[in-house]
Amino acid sequence: MESKIDFLSNSPAETKKIALQVIRSFNNRHIFALVGDLGSGKTVFVKGVLENFGLKDIISPTFLIIKEYQIPKANIYNSEFSYSFEKVYHIDCYRVGSSKEILPLGIEEFLQNKNALIFIEWADRIVDILPPETVFIIFDWLGKNKRQIKLKKTTGL
């Protein structure tokens, strides 16, 4: 049976706080598939986690497709998390039509890296190559600053 947890955010700041709460609740997972329309809060969610590691100027890698961030050594063992990561891969599949298009970029290697925290925006476009341990997070735009964030504890959409 599928298990869902829903959050309601009324601002970007709340979305960032929800992101930290969600990531902390999955300290045995490192791949997060973000699904939702443009402007639904996916990038703001990722920013919330990356800012916690001291990273700034985070933008969605729409044209790069994959952006790698090195977590500053001073922040690797951040008190917000009970585990550590050395890198973050922020992947944006908005311009990707299917998993076949992203495979040449080495995504399978990224997905296997347990020392990396991985966020995949528009993950519904490559769902067929995501491993079973992927956590799916669905974003719904409800109004100017209001978003519903649905956390699926089962694999797939």
N, C-alpha and C. Protein backbone atom coordinates (compact mmCIF):
# COMPACT_ATOMS: atom_id res chain seq x y z
N MET A 1 0.83 -1.19 0.00
CA MET A 1 0.00 0.00 0.00
C MET A 1 0.88 1.25 0.00
N GLU A 2 0.50 2.21 -0.79
CA GLU A 2 1.27 3.43 -0.91
C GLU A 2 1.05 4.32 0.31
N SER A 3 2.11 4.97 0.72
CA SER A 3 2.05 5.88 1.85
C SER A 3 2.43 7.27 1.37
N LYS A 4 1.63 8.28 1.72
CA LYS A 4 1.92 9.65 1.32
C LYS A 4 1.95 10.55 2.55
N ILE A 5 2.78 11.56 2.47
CA ILE A 5 2.80 12.62 3.47
C ILE A 5 2.66 13.91 2.69
N ASP A 6 1.72 14.74 3.10
CA ASP A 6 1.49 16.01 2.42
C ASP A 6 1.93 17.18 3.29
N PHE A 7 2.49 18.19 2.64
CA PHE A 7 2.87 19.43 3.29
C PHE A 7 2.20 20.56 2.53
N LEU A 8 1.88 21.63 3.23
CA LEU A 8 1.35 22.83 2.60
C LEU A 8 2.32 23.96 2.89
N SER A 9 2.78 24.63 1.85
CA SER A 9 3.72 25.74 2.00
C SER A 9 3.03 27.02 1.55
N ASN A 10 3.21 28.06 2.33
CA ASN A 10 2.64 29.36 2.00
C ASN A 10 3.69 30.38 1.59
N SER A 11 4.94 29.94 1.46
CA SER A 11 6.00 30.87 1.06
C SER A 11 7.24 30.07 0.65
N PRO A 12 8.14 30.70 -0.09
CA PRO A 12 9.41 30.03 -0.41
C PRO A 12 10.18 29.65 0.87
N ALA A 13 10.15 30.48 1.88
CA ALA A 13 10.85 30.16 3.13
C ALA A 13 10.29 28.88 3.76
N GLU A 14 8.96 28.72 3.72
CA GLU A 14 8.35 27.48 4.26
C GLU A 14 8.75 26.28 3.42
N THR A 15 8.80 26.45 2.10
CA THR A 15 9.20 25.35 1.22
C THR A 15 10.62 24.90 1.57
N LYS A 16 11.51 25.84 1.84
CA LYS A 16 12.89 25.50 2.21
C LYS A 16 12.93 24.74 3.53
N LYS A 17 12.11 25.14 4.50
CA LYS A 17 12.06 24.43 5.78
C LYS A 17 11.51 23.02 5.60
N ILE A 18 10.50 22.89 4.77
CA ILE A 18 9.93 21.56 4.47
C ILE A 18 10.99 20.68 3.83
N ALA A 19 11.80 21.26 2.93
CA ALA A 19 12.86 20.49 2.27
C ALA A 19 13.81 19.88 3.29
N LEU A 20 14.25 20.67 4.25
CA LEU A 20 15.16 20.15 5.28
C LEU A 20 14.49 19.05 6.09
N GLN A 21 13.24 19.23 6.42
CA GLN A 21 12.50 18.22 7.18
C GLN A 21 12.40 16.91 6.40
N VAL A 22 12.09 17.02 5.12
CA VAL A 22 11.95 15.83 4.27
C VAL A 22 13.28 15.10 4.15
N ILE A 23 14.34 15.82 3.85
CA ILE A 23 15.65 15.18 3.66
C ILE A 23 16.11 14.52 4.95
N ARG A 24 15.90 15.18 6.07
CA ARG A 24 16.29 14.59 7.37
C ARG A 24 15.52 13.30 7.64
N SER A 25 14.27 13.24 7.19
CA SER A 25 13.46 12.05 7.48
C SER A 25 13.88 10.83 6.66
N PHE A 26 14.72 11.04 5.65
CA PHE A 26 15.19 9.95 4.79
C PHE A 26 16.71 9.84 4.86
N ASN A 27 17.25 9.63 6.04
CA ASN A 27 18.70 9.61 6.16
C ASN A 27 19.34 8.36 5.56
N ASN A 28 18.55 7.47 5.01
CA ASN A 28 19.12 6.31 4.31
C ASN A 28 18.91 6.42 2.80
N ARG A 29 18.41 7.56 2.34
CA ARG A 29 18.17 7.76 0.90
C ARG A 29 18.99 8.94 0.40
N HIS A 30 19.35 8.91 -0.86
CA HIS A 30 20.13 10.02 -1.40
C HIS A 30 19.62 10.52 -2.74
N ILE A 31 18.57 9.89 -3.29
CA ILE A 31 18.03 10.31 -4.58
C ILE A 31 16.60 10.78 -4.39
N PHE A 32 16.35 12.04 -4.81
CA PHE A 32 15.03 12.63 -4.67
C PHE A 32 14.55 13.11 -6.03
N ALA A 33 13.43 12.53 -6.48
CA ALA A 33 12.83 12.84 -7.76
C ALA A 33 11.74 13.88 -7.55
N LEU A 34 11.90 15.05 -8.16
CA LEU A 34 10.97 16.15 -7.98
C LEU A 34 10.11 16.30 -9.22
N VAL A 35 8.80 16.28 -9.03
CA VAL A 35 7.88 16.32 -10.15
C VAL A 35 6.85 17.42 -9.92
N GLY A 36 6.64 18.26 -10.92
CA GLY A 36 5.64 19.32 -10.82
C GLY A 36 5.80 20.30 -11.96
N ASP A 37 4.78 21.12 -12.14
CA ASP A 37 4.79 22.11 -13.21
C ASP A 37 5.82 23.21 -12.96
N LEU A 38 6.05 24.02 -13.97
CA LEU A 38 6.90 25.20 -13.82
C LEU A 38 6.38 26.06 -12.68
N GLY A 39 7.28 26.53 -11.83
CA GLY A 39 6.89 27.43 -10.75
C GLY A 39 6.24 26.76 -9.55
N SER A 40 6.30 25.45 -9.49
CA SER A 40 5.62 24.74 -8.40
C SER A 40 6.47 24.59 -7.14
N GLY A 41 7.76 24.98 -7.19
CA GLY A 41 8.57 24.97 -5.99
C GLY A 41 9.73 23.98 -5.97
N LYS A 42 9.97 23.30 -7.07
CA LYS A 42 11.03 22.28 -7.10
C LYS A 42 12.41 22.88 -6.82
N THR A 43 12.75 23.96 -7.51
CA THR A 43 14.06 24.56 -7.33
C THR A 43 14.19 25.21 -5.95
N VAL A 44 13.14 25.81 -5.46
CA VAL A 44 13.16 26.40 -4.12
C VAL A 44 13.42 25.31 -3.08
N PHE A 45 12.84 24.15 -3.27
CA PHE A 45 13.05 23.00 -2.39
C PHE A 45 14.54 22.64 -2.35
N VAL A 46 15.14 22.52 -3.53
CA VAL A 46 16.56 22.17 -3.62
C VAL A 46 17.41 23.26 -2.96
N LYS A 47 17.07 24.52 -3.21
CA LYS A 47 17.80 25.62 -2.59
C LYS A 47 17.80 25.51 -1.07
N GLY A 48 16.68 25.10 -0.50
CA GLY A 48 16.60 24.97 0.95
C GLY A 48 17.65 24.02 1.51
N VAL A 49 17.87 22.93 0.82
CA VAL A 49 18.87 21.96 1.27
C VAL A 49 20.28 22.47 1.00
N LEU A 50 20.52 22.99 -0.19
CA LEU A 50 21.87 23.42 -0.55
C LEU A 50 22.32 24.62 0.29
N GLU A 51 21.42 25.52 0.60
CA GLU A 51 21.78 26.66 1.45
C GLU A 51 22.19 26.17 2.84
N ASN A 52 21.60 25.08 3.29
CA ASN A 52 21.97 24.49 4.58
C ASN A 52 23.44 24.07 4.59
N PHE A 53 23.96 23.69 3.42
CA PHE A 53 25.37 23.30 3.29
C PHE A 53 26.28 24.50 3.02
N GLY A 54 25.72 25.70 3.05
CA GLY A 54 26.51 26.90 2.82
C GLY A 54 26.67 27.25 1.36
N LEU A 55 25.95 26.59 0.48
CA LEU A 55 26.03 26.88 -0.95
C LEU A 55 25.05 28.01 -1.29
N LYS A 56 25.45 28.87 -2.22
CA LYS A 56 24.63 30.02 -2.58
C LYS A 56 24.49 30.11 -4.09
N ASP A 57 23.63 31.03 -4.52
CA ASP A 57 23.41 31.29 -5.93
C ASP A 57 22.98 30.03 -6.68
N ILE A 58 22.04 29.30 -6.09
CA ILE A 58 21.54 28.07 -6.68
C ILE A 58 20.47 28.40 -7.71
N ILE A 59 20.63 27.91 -8.93
CA ILE A 59 19.60 28.06 -9.95
C ILE A 59 19.37 26.68 -10.57
N SER A 60 18.22 26.51 -11.15
CA SER A 60 17.93 25.25 -11.80
C SER A 60 18.82 25.10 -13.03
N PRO A 61 19.46 23.95 -13.21
CA PRO A 61 20.37 23.76 -14.34
C PRO A 61 19.66 23.38 -15.64
N THR A 62 18.65 24.17 -16.01
CA THR A 62 17.83 23.85 -17.18
C THR A 62 18.67 23.67 -18.44
N PHE A 63 19.63 24.55 -18.67
CA PHE A 63 20.42 24.46 -19.90
C PHE A 63 21.65 23.58 -19.75
N LEU A 64 22.15 23.46 -18.53
CA LEU A 64 23.29 22.58 -18.28
C LEU A 64 22.86 21.13 -18.13
N ILE A 65 21.66 20.91 -17.69
CA ILE A 65 21.02 19.64 -17.36
C ILE A 65 21.55 19.10 -16.03
N ILE A 66 22.86 19.03 -15.85
CA ILE A 66 23.41 18.52 -14.59
C ILE A 66 24.40 19.54 -14.02
N LYS A 67 24.16 19.92 -12.77
CA LYS A 67 25.07 20.83 -12.07
C LYS A 67 25.60 20.10 -10.84
N GLU A 68 26.91 20.08 -10.71
CA GLU A 68 27.55 19.43 -9.57
C GLU A 68 28.02 20.50 -8.59
N TYR A 69 27.73 20.28 -7.31
CA TYR A 69 28.19 21.17 -6.25
C TYR A 69 29.07 20.37 -5.29
N GLN A 70 30.20 20.92 -4.96
CA GLN A 70 31.06 20.33 -3.94
C GLN A 70 30.63 20.96 -2.62
N ILE A 71 30.30 20.14 -1.64
CA ILE A 71 29.92 20.66 -0.34
C ILE A 71 31.19 21.09 0.39
N PRO A 72 31.25 22.33 0.86
CA PRO A 72 32.46 22.77 1.58
C PRO A 72 32.78 21.82 2.73
N LYS A 73 34.05 21.49 2.87
CA LYS A 73 34.46 20.52 3.89
C LYS A 73 33.95 20.87 5.27
N ALA A 74 33.90 22.14 5.60
CA ALA A 74 33.42 22.55 6.92
C ALA A 74 31.94 22.21 7.11
N ASN A 75 31.21 22.00 6.02
CA ASN A 75 29.77 21.74 6.10
C ASN A 75 29.38 20.31 5.79
N ILE A 76 30.35 19.44 5.52
CA ILE A 76 30.03 18.06 5.18
C ILE A 76 29.28 17.38 6.32
N TYR A 77 29.74 17.57 7.53
CA TYR A 77 29.09 16.95 8.68
C TYR A 77 28.17 17.95 9.34
N ASN A 78 27.20 18.42 8.58
CA ASN A 78 26.27 19.43 9.05
C ASN A 78 25.35 18.84 10.11
N SER A 79 25.08 19.59 11.15
CA SER A 79 24.26 19.09 12.25
C SER A 79 22.82 18.84 11.86
N GLU A 80 22.39 19.37 10.71
CA GLU A 80 21.01 19.15 10.26
C GLU A 80 20.78 17.69 9.83
N PHE A 81 21.85 16.98 9.49
CA PHE A 81 21.71 15.64 8.95
C PHE A 81 22.50 14.64 9.77
N SER A 82 22.02 13.41 9.79
CA SER A 82 22.73 12.36 10.52
C SER A 82 23.65 11.56 9.59
N TYR A 83 23.90 12.07 8.42
CA TYR A 83 24.79 11.42 7.46
C TYR A 83 25.50 12.52 6.70
N SER A 84 26.47 12.16 5.91
CA SER A 84 27.24 13.18 5.20
C SER A 84 27.26 12.91 3.70
N PHE A 85 27.41 13.97 2.97
CA PHE A 85 27.57 13.90 1.52
C PHE A 85 28.73 14.80 1.15
N GLU A 86 29.45 14.40 0.13
CA GLU A 86 30.56 15.22 -0.35
C GLU A 86 30.13 16.11 -1.50
N LYS A 87 29.13 15.64 -2.26
CA LYS A 87 28.68 16.37 -3.44
C LYS A 87 27.16 16.39 -3.50
N VAL A 88 26.67 17.32 -4.31
CA VAL A 88 25.26 17.36 -4.65
C VAL A 88 25.18 17.44 -6.16
N TYR A 89 24.33 16.59 -6.74
CA TYR A 89 24.03 16.69 -8.16
C TYR A 89 22.61 17.21 -8.29
N HIS A 90 22.49 18.33 -8.96
CA HIS A 90 21.18 18.93 -9.23
C HIS A 90 20.92 18.74 -10.71
N ILE A 91 19.95 17.92 -11.02
CA ILE A 91 19.67 17.53 -12.40
C ILE A 91 18.31 18.08 -12.80
N ASP A 92 18.24 18.67 -13.97
CA ASP A 92 16.99 19.24 -14.47
C ASP A 92 16.68 18.60 -15.82
N CYS A 93 15.63 17.83 -15.87
CA CYS A 93 15.27 17.10 -17.09
C CYS A 93 14.20 17.80 -17.92
N TYR A 94 13.99 19.08 -17.70
CA TYR A 94 12.98 19.83 -18.44
C TYR A 94 13.19 19.73 -19.95
N ARG A 95 14.42 19.81 -20.38
CA ARG A 95 14.73 19.77 -21.81
C ARG A 95 15.02 18.36 -22.31
N VAL A 96 14.80 17.37 -21.48
CA VAL A 96 15.09 15.97 -21.83
C VAL A 96 13.77 15.29 -22.21
N GLY A 97 13.77 14.66 -23.36
CA GLY A 97 12.56 13.98 -23.82
C GLY A 97 12.38 12.58 -23.25
N SER A 98 13.51 11.92 -22.98
CA SER A 98 13.45 10.56 -22.45
C SER A 98 14.79 10.23 -21.79
N SER A 99 14.82 9.11 -21.09
CA SER A 99 16.06 8.70 -20.42
C SER A 99 17.18 8.45 -21.42
N LYS A 100 16.85 8.05 -22.64
CA LYS A 100 17.89 7.80 -23.64
C LYS A 100 18.73 9.04 -23.91
N GLU A 101 18.13 10.21 -23.78
CA GLU A 101 18.84 11.46 -24.04
C GLU A 101 19.81 11.83 -22.93
N ILE A 102 19.56 11.37 -21.72
CA ILE A 102 20.40 11.77 -20.59
C ILE A 102 21.47 10.71 -20.26
N LEU A 103 21.30 9.51 -20.74
CA LEU A 103 22.28 8.45 -20.46
C LEU A 103 23.70 8.81 -20.89
N PRO A 104 23.91 9.45 -22.05
CA PRO A 104 25.28 9.79 -22.45
C PRO A 104 25.97 10.77 -21.50
N LEU A 105 25.21 11.44 -20.64
CA LEU A 105 25.80 12.39 -19.69
C LEU A 105 26.31 11.71 -18.43
N GLY A 106 26.16 10.39 -18.35
CA GLY A 106 26.69 9.64 -17.21
C GLY A 106 25.79 9.60 -16.00
N ILE A 107 24.50 9.78 -16.19
CA ILE A 107 23.58 9.83 -15.05
C ILE A 107 23.59 8.54 -14.23
N GLU A 108 23.79 7.41 -14.88
CA GLU A 108 23.79 6.15 -14.13
C GLU A 108 24.93 6.12 -13.10
N GLU A 109 26.07 6.68 -13.45
CA GLU A 109 27.18 6.76 -12.48
C GLU A 109 26.82 7.68 -11.32
N PHE A 110 26.19 8.80 -11.63
CA PHE A 110 25.78 9.73 -10.57
C PHE A 110 24.83 9.04 -9.60
N LEU A 111 23.86 8.31 -10.14
CA LEU A 111 22.84 7.67 -9.30
C LEU A 111 23.44 6.61 -8.37
N GLN A 112 24.56 6.05 -8.73
CA GLN A 112 25.22 5.03 -7.91
C GLN A 112 26.13 5.61 -6.83
N ASN A 113 26.40 6.89 -6.89
CA ASN A 113 27.32 7.53 -5.96
C ASN A 113 26.61 7.79 -4.62
N LYS A 114 26.85 6.95 -3.64
CA LYS A 114 26.21 7.07 -2.33
C LYS A 114 26.76 8.24 -1.51
N ASN A 115 27.85 8.85 -1.96
CA ASN A 115 28.40 10.02 -1.28
C ASN A 115 27.85 11.32 -1.85
N ALA A 116 26.85 11.20 -2.73
CA ALA A 116 26.26 12.38 -3.35
C ALA A 116 24.76 12.42 -3.06
N LEU A 117 24.31 13.59 -2.76
CA LEU A 117 22.88 13.85 -2.63
C LEU A 117 22.40 14.29 -4.00
N ILE A 118 21.32 13.68 -4.48
CA ILE A 118 20.89 13.90 -5.86
C ILE A 118 19.45 14.38 -5.89
N PHE A 119 19.24 15.51 -6.58
CA PHE A 119 17.90 16.05 -6.80
C PHE A 119 17.66 16.08 -8.29
N ILE A 120 16.54 15.50 -8.72
CA ILE A 120 16.22 15.44 -10.15
C ILE A 120 14.89 16.13 -10.38
N GLU A 121 14.93 17.32 -11.00
CA GLU A 121 13.71 18.02 -11.36
C GLU A 121 13.18 17.45 -12.68
N TRP A 122 11.87 17.41 -12.82
CA TRP A 122 11.21 16.84 -13.98
C TRP A 122 11.57 15.36 -14.12
N ALA A 123 11.66 14.69 -12.99
CA ALA A 123 12.08 13.28 -12.95
C ALA A 123 11.11 12.34 -13.64
N ASP A 124 9.88 12.77 -13.85
CA ASP A 124 8.91 11.92 -14.54
C ASP A 124 9.35 11.60 -15.96
N ARG A 125 10.29 12.35 -16.51
CA ARG A 125 10.77 12.12 -17.88
C ARG A 125 11.81 11.01 -17.96
N ILE A 126 12.37 10.64 -16.80
CA ILE A 126 13.39 9.58 -16.80
C ILE A 126 13.09 8.51 -15.74
N VAL A 127 11.86 8.40 -15.37
CA VAL A 127 11.47 7.49 -14.27
C VAL A 127 11.93 6.05 -14.51
N ASP A 128 12.03 5.65 -15.77
CA ASP A 128 12.40 4.27 -16.09
C ASP A 128 13.84 3.91 -15.72
N ILE A 129 14.70 4.89 -15.46
CA ILE A 129 16.09 4.56 -15.09
C ILE A 129 16.39 4.87 -13.62
N LEU A 130 15.40 5.34 -12.88
CA LEU A 130 15.64 5.67 -11.47
C LEU A 130 15.61 4.41 -10.62
N PRO A 131 16.54 4.30 -9.67
CA PRO A 131 16.60 3.09 -8.84
C PRO A 131 15.42 3.02 -7.86
N PRO A 132 15.13 1.83 -7.35
CA PRO A 132 13.98 1.63 -6.45
C PRO A 132 14.01 2.49 -5.19
N GLU A 133 15.19 2.87 -4.73
CA GLU A 133 15.27 3.65 -3.48
C GLU A 133 14.97 5.14 -3.68
N THR A 134 14.65 5.56 -4.89
CA THR A 134 14.34 6.96 -5.17
C THR A 134 13.09 7.39 -4.41
N VAL A 135 13.16 8.57 -3.81
CA VAL A 135 12.01 9.17 -3.13
C VAL A 135 11.37 10.16 -4.09
N PHE A 136 10.08 10.02 -4.32
CA PHE A 136 9.36 10.92 -5.23
C PHE A 136 8.63 11.99 -4.45
N ILE A 137 8.80 13.24 -4.90
CA ILE A 137 8.16 14.38 -4.26
C ILE A 137 7.40 15.12 -5.35
N ILE A 138 6.09 15.25 -5.14
CA ILE A 138 5.20 15.86 -6.13
C ILE A 138 4.83 17.27 -5.66
N PHE A 139 5.00 18.26 -6.53
CA PHE A 139 4.72 19.65 -6.22
C PHE A 139 3.50 20.12 -7.00
N ASP A 140 2.57 20.74 -6.29
CA ASP A 140 1.38 21.31 -6.93
C ASP A 140 1.29 22.79 -6.60
N TRP A 141 1.09 23.60 -7.62
CA TRP A 141 0.94 25.04 -7.49
C TRP A 141 -0.51 25.30 -7.12
N LEU A 142 -0.76 25.94 -5.97
CA LEU A 142 -2.13 26.20 -5.51
C LEU A 142 -2.48 27.68 -5.53
N GLY A 143 -1.53 28.54 -5.77
CA GLY A 143 -1.77 29.98 -5.77
C GLY A 143 -0.45 30.72 -5.76
N LYS A 144 -0.52 32.04 -5.63
CA LYS A 144 0.66 32.89 -5.72
C LYS A 144 1.86 32.34 -4.95
N ASN A 145 1.72 32.08 -3.69
CA ASN A 145 2.82 31.53 -2.89
C ASN A 145 2.48 30.18 -2.27
N LYS A 146 1.33 29.66 -2.57
CA LYS A 146 0.85 28.44 -1.91
C LYS A 146 1.18 27.21 -2.77
N ARG A 147 1.82 26.23 -2.12
CA ARG A 147 2.20 24.99 -2.80
C ARG A 147 1.84 23.79 -1.93
N GLN A 148 1.43 22.72 -2.58
CA GLN A 148 1.25 21.45 -1.89
C GLN A 148 2.41 20.57 -2.29
N ILE A 149 3.04 19.96 -1.30
CA ILE A 149 4.18 19.09 -1.54
C ILE A 149 3.81 17.71 -1.02
N LYS A 150 3.76 16.75 -1.93
CA LYS A 150 3.36 15.38 -1.58
C LYS A 150 4.59 14.48 -1.63
N LEU A 151 4.84 13.85 -0.55
CA LEU A 151 5.98 12.98 -0.43
C LEU A 151 5.50 11.53 -0.54
N LYS A 152 6.00 10.83 -1.55
CA LYS A 152 5.61 9.44 -1.75
C LYS A 152 6.67 8.54 -1.17
N LYS A 153 6.27 7.64 -0.29
CA LYS A 153 7.22 6.74 0.35
C LYS A 153 7.38 5.44 -0.42
N THR A 154 6.77 5.37 -1.58
CA THR A 154 6.96 4.20 -2.45
C THR A 154 7.61 4.67 -3.73
N THR A 155 8.16 3.76 -4.48
CA THR A 155 8.84 4.13 -5.71
C THR A 155 7.83 4.35 -6.82
N GLY A 156 8.23 5.11 -7.78
CA GLY A 156 7.41 5.37 -8.95
C GLY A 156 6.40 6.46 -8.72
N LEU A 157 5.75 6.83 -9.81
CA LEU A 157 4.75 7.89 -9.74
C LEU A 157 3.42 7.28 -9.61
